[in-house]
Amino acid sequence: MTMNRAWALILTLALALSLAACGGSKGKDAELTVFAAASLQETLTEIGGNYQKDHPNVTLVFNFDSSGTLKTQIEEGAVCDVFISAGRKQMDDLDAAIQPAVNADAPEEAEEEGLDLIDANTRFNLLENKVALAVPEGNPAGIHSFGDLKTALEAGEVLLAIGNSDVPVGQYTQKIFAYFGLDEAALNTAGVLTYGSNVKEVTTQVSEGAVDCGVIYATDAFSAGLDIVDTATAEMCGQVIYPAAVLKSSKSPEEAQAFLDYLRTPEAGTVLESVGFTPLG
């Protein structure tokens, strides 16, 4: 009897250890650093909170800034698992698959220039936004369209806030200027432009009434409670596409991919749509 009990105890312990080992292989702890465009700050913070409730083993650390700044940080070796850009150009600059001409004869240069840093197999277009002309409360300058803006800028009667040239929203603005035949350098010399290092800075200038209007994303205008008087068409500035991808340097690529997969779910899509994003994934 004593021997039987001993064997039973051994079998019970062995089974318990086996089950513990199986359980320990699931949901390993991981910290994911997500670099995301500043325009995603409110929505991605909410989505991240929802994700962590269902995945308590995953800690999400967000870094929100202009896509150009984030791209530079990644090139300089910053720790990053997931990159979500507000423009395809910034993602393309990190994607060797998009730049074969640069890398063909000198792959070592591609690595030095940071052109092969994302896992191209994980890349996809996450969502679409719109470029909008927003005004402060009361619209004191009486701007109601991009056409009005063109006239007022040429007359020196309005102060417009835009993004820097290395910021996606600033690059979209440059395309709008070109569409309307406006010379940015001349406008800047005339003192009718102010700049922001990311879309949040431009939005703040409009919200505080420091400028008469600003070119920002429709989602930022919504989050800040600003009035949108006009929206740029694709003909004016192209589509505003946000690509997403896992970095090759990620120490938790499976967990990073799982988070990207979650961003494509209806649950995450509902949050994105609530502020005006159009999910594409």
Protein backbone atom coordinates (compact mmCIF):
# COMPACT_ATOMS: atom_id res chain seq x y z
CA MET A 1 0.00 0.00 0.00
CA THR A 2 2.80 2.34 0.90
CA MET A 3 4.56 1.60 -2.40
CA ASN A 4 1.34 2.17 -4.36
CA ARG A 5 0.81 5.50 -2.65
CA ALA A 6 4.38 6.49 -3.42
CA TRP A 7 3.94 5.68 -7.12
CA ALA A 8 0.64 7.57 -7.17
CA LEU A 9 2.34 10.60 -5.66
CA ILE A 10 5.16 10.42 -8.22
CA LEU A 11 2.71 10.18 -11.11
CA THR A 12 0.69 13.09 -9.75
CA LEU A 13 3.79 15.28 -9.45
CA ALA A 14 4.94 14.29 -12.93
CA LEU A 15 1.56 15.21 -14.39
CA ALA A 16 1.54 18.53 -12.56
CA LEU A 17 5.01 19.38 -13.82
CA SER A 18 4.01 18.43 -17.35
CA LEU A 19 0.95 20.65 -17.25
CA ALA A 20 2.95 23.52 -15.79
CA ALA A 21 5.50 23.17 -18.57
CA CYS A 22 2.78 23.28 -21.20
CA GLY A 23 1.13 26.28 -19.58
CA GLY A 24 4.44 28.10 -19.30
CA SER A 25 4.98 27.94 -23.06
CA LYS A 26 1.86 29.94 -23.74
CA GLY A 27 1.65 33.70 -23.54
CA LYS A 28 5.27 34.43 -22.66
CA ASP A 29 5.92 37.85 -21.17
CA ALA A 30 6.92 40.43 -23.75
CA GLU A 31 7.45 44.18 -23.91
CA LEU A 32 6.67 45.67 -27.31
CA THR A 33 7.89 49.12 -28.27
CA VAL A 34 5.55 50.63 -30.84
CA PHE A 35 6.64 53.68 -32.85
CA ALA A 36 3.52 55.34 -34.24
CA ALA A 37 2.58 58.56 -36.00
CA ALA A 38 1.49 61.34 -33.64
CA SER A 39 -1.97 61.40 -35.24
CA LEU A 40 -2.60 57.93 -33.79
CA GLN A 41 -1.91 58.87 -30.18
CA GLU A 42 -5.45 58.89 -28.80
CA THR A 43 -6.82 55.94 -30.75
CA LEU A 44 -3.79 53.68 -30.43
CA THR A 45 -3.55 54.35 -26.70
CA GLU A 46 -7.16 53.22 -26.34
CA ILE A 47 -6.65 50.19 -28.57
CA GLY A 48 -3.49 49.29 -26.68
CA GLY A 49 -5.34 49.37 -23.38
CA ASN A 50 -8.00 47.03 -24.77
CA TYR A 51 -5.34 44.69 -26.13
CA GLN A 52 -3.48 44.44 -22.85
CA LYS A 53 -6.66 43.51 -20.99
CA ASP A 54 -6.87 40.36 -23.12
CA HIS A 55 -3.08 39.87 -23.26
CA PRO A 56 -1.80 40.68 -19.75
CA ASN A 57 1.56 39.09 -20.60
CA VAL A 58 2.25 41.85 -23.17
CA THR A 59 3.36 45.33 -22.16
CA LEU A 60 2.98 47.98 -24.85
CA VAL A 61 5.31 50.98 -24.81
CA PHE A 62 4.29 53.68 -27.28
CA ASN A 63 6.47 56.36 -28.83
CA PHE A 64 4.35 58.92 -30.69
CA ASP A 65 5.97 61.55 -32.90
CA SER A 66 6.19 62.63 -36.52
CA SER A 67 6.85 59.71 -38.85
CA GLY A 68 10.02 61.41 -40.08
CA THR A 69 11.40 61.70 -36.56
CA LEU A 70 10.48 58.09 -35.77
CA LYS A 71 12.12 56.89 -38.98
CA THR A 72 15.34 58.69 -38.05
CA GLN A 73 15.28 57.18 -34.55
CA ILE A 74 14.89 53.70 -36.04
CA GLU A 75 17.77 54.32 -38.46
CA GLU A 76 19.92 55.39 -35.53
CA GLY A 77 19.27 52.12 -33.71
CA ALA A 78 16.41 52.90 -31.34
CA VAL A 79 14.67 49.86 -29.88
CA CYS A 80 11.45 49.35 -31.83
CA ASP A 81 9.28 46.32 -32.52
CA VAL A 82 6.46 47.85 -34.58
CA PHE A 83 6.44 50.93 -36.82
CA ILE A 84 3.21 52.60 -37.96
CA SER A 85 3.82 55.56 -40.25
CA ALA A 86 1.46 58.29 -41.42
CA GLY A 87 3.05 58.15 -44.86
CA ARG A 88 4.38 55.47 -47.17
CA LYS A 89 7.61 57.37 -47.86
CA GLN A 90 8.92 56.96 -44.31
CA MET A 91 8.18 53.24 -44.35
CA ASP A 92 9.64 52.87 -47.85
CA ASP A 93 12.91 54.39 -46.63
CA LEU A 94 13.30 51.44 -44.24
CA ASP A 95 12.18 48.77 -46.70
CA ALA A 96 14.86 47.31 -48.96
CA ALA A 97 12.18 45.59 -51.03
CA ILE A 98 10.95 49.01 -52.18
CA GLN A 99 14.41 50.29 -53.13
CA PRO A 100 16.17 47.64 -55.25
CA ALA A 101 18.08 50.22 -57.28
CA VAL A 102 19.79 51.55 -54.17
CA ASN A 103 20.72 48.18 -52.75
CA ALA A 104 21.50 46.07 -55.82
CA ASP A 105 25.26 46.59 -56.11
CA ALA A 106 26.09 47.49 -52.52
CA PRO A 107 23.99 45.63 -49.95
CA GLU A 108 26.37 46.73 -47.19
CA GLU A 109 25.44 50.37 -47.95
CA ALA A 110 21.76 49.55 -47.64
CA GLU A 111 22.41 48.31 -44.11
CA GLU A 112 24.40 51.42 -43.25
CA GLU A 113 21.68 53.68 -44.61
CA GLY A 114 18.99 51.84 -42.68
CA LEU A 115 17.13 50.69 -45.78
CA ASP A 116 16.57 47.09 -44.73
CA LEU A 117 15.15 47.40 -41.23
CA ILE A 118 11.57 46.18 -41.55
CA ASP A 119 10.28 42.69 -42.23
CA ALA A 120 8.64 43.22 -45.61
CA ASN A 121 6.53 40.10 -45.14
CA THR A 122 4.72 41.76 -42.24
CA ARG A 123 4.07 45.09 -43.97
CA PHE A 124 0.52 46.10 -44.87
CA ASN A 125 -1.58 49.25 -45.26
CA LEU A 126 -3.42 49.64 -41.97
CA LEU A 127 -5.70 52.61 -42.57
CA GLU A 128 -6.46 55.80 -44.48
CA ASN A 129 -6.87 59.35 -43.21
CA LYS A 130 -7.83 62.66 -44.80
CA VAL A 131 -5.96 65.96 -44.93
CA ALA A 132 -8.20 68.74 -43.66
CA LEU A 133 -8.23 72.52 -43.41
CA ALA A 134 -9.19 73.31 -39.81
CA VAL A 135 -9.99 76.63 -38.16
CA PRO A 136 -10.22 77.92 -34.58
CA GLU A 137 -13.55 78.44 -32.87
CA GLY A 138 -15.58 81.08 -34.67
CA ASN A 139 -13.40 80.97 -37.80
CA PRO A 140 -12.24 84.59 -37.33
CA ALA A 141 -10.52 84.81 -40.72
CA GLY A 142 -13.61 83.57 -42.58
CA ILE A 143 -11.77 80.79 -44.43
CA HIS A 144 -14.21 78.24 -45.85
CA SER A 145 -12.20 76.31 -48.44
CA PHE A 146 -8.74 75.69 -49.84
CA GLY A 147 -9.69 78.15 -52.56
CA ASP A 148 -10.33 80.83 -49.94
CA LEU A 149 -7.01 79.94 -48.34
CA LYS A 150 -5.12 80.41 -51.61
CA THR A 151 -6.61 83.88 -52.09
CA ALA A 152 -5.94 84.92 -48.49
CA LEU A 153 -2.35 83.63 -48.53
CA GLU A 154 -1.53 85.48 -51.73
CA ALA A 155 -3.00 88.65 -50.24
CA GLY A 156 -1.07 88.20 -46.98
CA GLU A 157 -4.30 88.27 -45.00
CA VAL A 158 -4.06 84.95 -43.14
CA LEU A 159 -1.63 83.04 -40.92
CA LEU A 160 -1.49 79.33 -41.71
CA ALA A 161 0.07 76.55 -39.61
CA ILE A 162 1.58 73.57 -41.46
CA GLY A 163 3.91 70.65 -40.73
CA ASN A 164 7.63 70.68 -41.39
CA SER A 165 8.84 69.25 -44.69
CA ASP A 166 10.00 66.00 -43.05
CA VAL A 167 6.55 65.40 -41.55
CA PRO A 168 3.96 63.53 -43.66
CA VAL A 169 1.26 66.14 -43.08
CA GLY A 170 3.75 68.79 -44.17
CA GLN A 171 4.55 66.81 -47.31
CA TYR A 172 0.86 66.49 -48.13
CA THR A 173 0.55 70.26 -47.62
CA GLN A 174 3.38 70.85 -50.10
CA LYS A 175 1.43 68.84 -52.67
CA ILE A 176 -1.63 71.00 -52.00
CA PHE A 177 0.48 74.13 -52.49
CA ALA A 178 1.72 72.74 -55.80
CA TYR A 179 -1.84 71.92 -56.85
CA PHE A 180 -2.90 75.54 -56.27
CA GLY A 181 0.31 77.01 -57.70
CA LEU A 182 1.49 78.42 -54.38
CA ASP A 183 5.19 79.04 -53.69
CA GLU A 184 5.94 77.89 -50.13
CA ALA A 185 9.27 79.72 -49.94
CA ALA A 186 7.64 83.00 -51.00
CA LEU A 187 4.80 82.51 -48.53
CA ASN A 188 7.25 81.81 -45.73
CA THR A 189 9.22 84.95 -46.60
CA ALA A 190 5.96 86.91 -46.53
CA GLY A 191 5.39 85.74 -42.97
CA VAL A 192 2.07 83.97 -43.54
CA LEU A 193 3.25 80.48 -42.50
CA THR A 194 4.12 78.90 -39.18
CA TYR A 195 5.46 75.37 -38.75
CA GLY A 196 5.09 72.42 -36.41
CA SER A 197 7.42 69.45 -35.94
CA ASN A 198 4.45 67.07 -35.95
CA VAL A 199 0.73 67.22 -36.59
CA LYS A 200 -0.07 67.64 -32.88
CA GLU A 201 1.94 70.85 -32.75
CA VAL A 202 0.07 72.21 -35.77
CA THR A 203 -3.24 71.20 -34.20
CA THR A 204 -2.33 72.96 -30.96
CA GLN A 205 -1.60 76.20 -32.81
CA VAL A 206 -5.06 76.10 -34.35
CA SER A 207 -6.78 75.11 -31.09
CA GLU A 208 -5.15 77.98 -29.21
CA GLY A 209 -6.09 80.49 -31.91
CA ALA A 210 -2.45 81.34 -32.54
CA VAL A 211 -3.13 81.02 -36.27
CA ASP A 212 -6.12 81.56 -38.54
CA CYS A 213 -6.14 77.99 -39.83
CA GLY A 214 -4.04 74.87 -40.17
CA VAL A 215 -3.58 71.90 -42.46
CA ILE A 216 -3.89 68.78 -40.32
CA TYR A 217 -5.50 65.35 -40.44
CA ALA A 218 -9.25 65.05 -40.16
CA THR A 219 -8.83 62.71 -37.18
CA ASP A 220 -6.74 65.26 -35.27
CA ALA A 221 -9.36 67.93 -35.93
CA PHE A 222 -12.02 65.57 -34.58
CA SER A 223 -10.03 64.73 -31.44
CA ALA A 224 -9.32 68.43 -30.78
CA GLY A 225 -12.90 69.52 -31.44
CA LEU A 226 -11.92 71.79 -34.32
CA ASP A 227 -14.10 72.77 -37.25
CA ILE A 228 -13.12 71.38 -40.64
CA VAL A 229 -13.94 73.80 -43.45
CA ASP A 230 -12.53 71.72 -46.31
CA THR A 231 -10.98 68.33 -47.03
CA ALA A 232 -8.26 67.75 -49.60
CA THR A 233 -9.08 65.41 -52.47
CA ALA A 234 -6.78 62.67 -53.71
CA GLU A 235 -6.12 64.85 -56.74
CA MET A 236 -4.72 67.55 -54.46
CA CYS A 237 -2.36 65.47 -52.34
CA GLY A 238 -2.82 61.76 -53.04
CA GLN A 239 -4.14 59.18 -50.60
CA VAL A 240 -3.12 59.41 -46.96
CA ILE A 241 -2.12 55.82 -46.24
CA TYR A 242 -0.70 54.52 -42.95
CA PRO A 243 1.50 51.41 -43.43
CA ALA A 244 2.51 49.17 -40.52
CA ALA A 245 5.26 46.56 -40.13
CA VAL A 246 7.37 44.59 -37.67
CA LEU A 247 11.03 45.53 -37.39
CA LYS A 248 13.63 42.89 -38.25
CA SER A 249 15.41 43.74 -35.00
CA SER A 250 12.38 42.89 -32.84
CA LYS A 251 13.18 40.48 -30.02
CA SER A 252 9.52 39.44 -29.88
CA PRO A 253 8.48 39.16 -33.55
CA GLU A 254 5.60 36.75 -32.89
CA GLU A 255 4.07 39.00 -30.25
CA ALA A 256 4.64 42.03 -32.49
CA GLN A 257 2.85 40.28 -35.35
CA ALA A 258 0.00 39.31 -33.02
CA PHE A 259 -0.49 42.97 -32.08
CA LEU A 260 -0.55 44.00 -35.74
CA ASP A 261 -3.09 41.24 -36.40
CA TYR A 262 -5.24 42.67 -33.61
CA LEU A 263 -5.19 46.10 -35.27
CA ARG A 264 -7.00 44.50 -38.22
CA THR A 265 -9.85 43.14 -36.11
CA PRO A 266 -13.37 44.64 -36.02
CA GLU A 267 -12.82 45.61 -32.37
CA ALA A 268 -9.80 47.77 -33.19
CA GLY A 269 -11.48 49.00 -36.37
CA THR A 270 -14.40 50.37 -34.37
CA VAL A 271 -12.05 52.57 -32.34
CA LEU A 272 -10.25 53.79 -35.46
CA GLU A 273 -13.50 54.57 -37.26
CA SER A 274 -14.86 56.50 -34.26
CA VAL A 275 -12.47 59.39 -34.97
CA GLY A 276 -12.60 59.22 -38.76
CA PHE A 277 -9.94 56.70 -39.81
CA THR A 278 -10.82 54.22 -42.56
CA PRO A 279 -9.40 50.75 -41.76
CA LEU A 280 -7.83 49.07 -44.77
CA GLY A 281 -6.38 45.90 -43.29
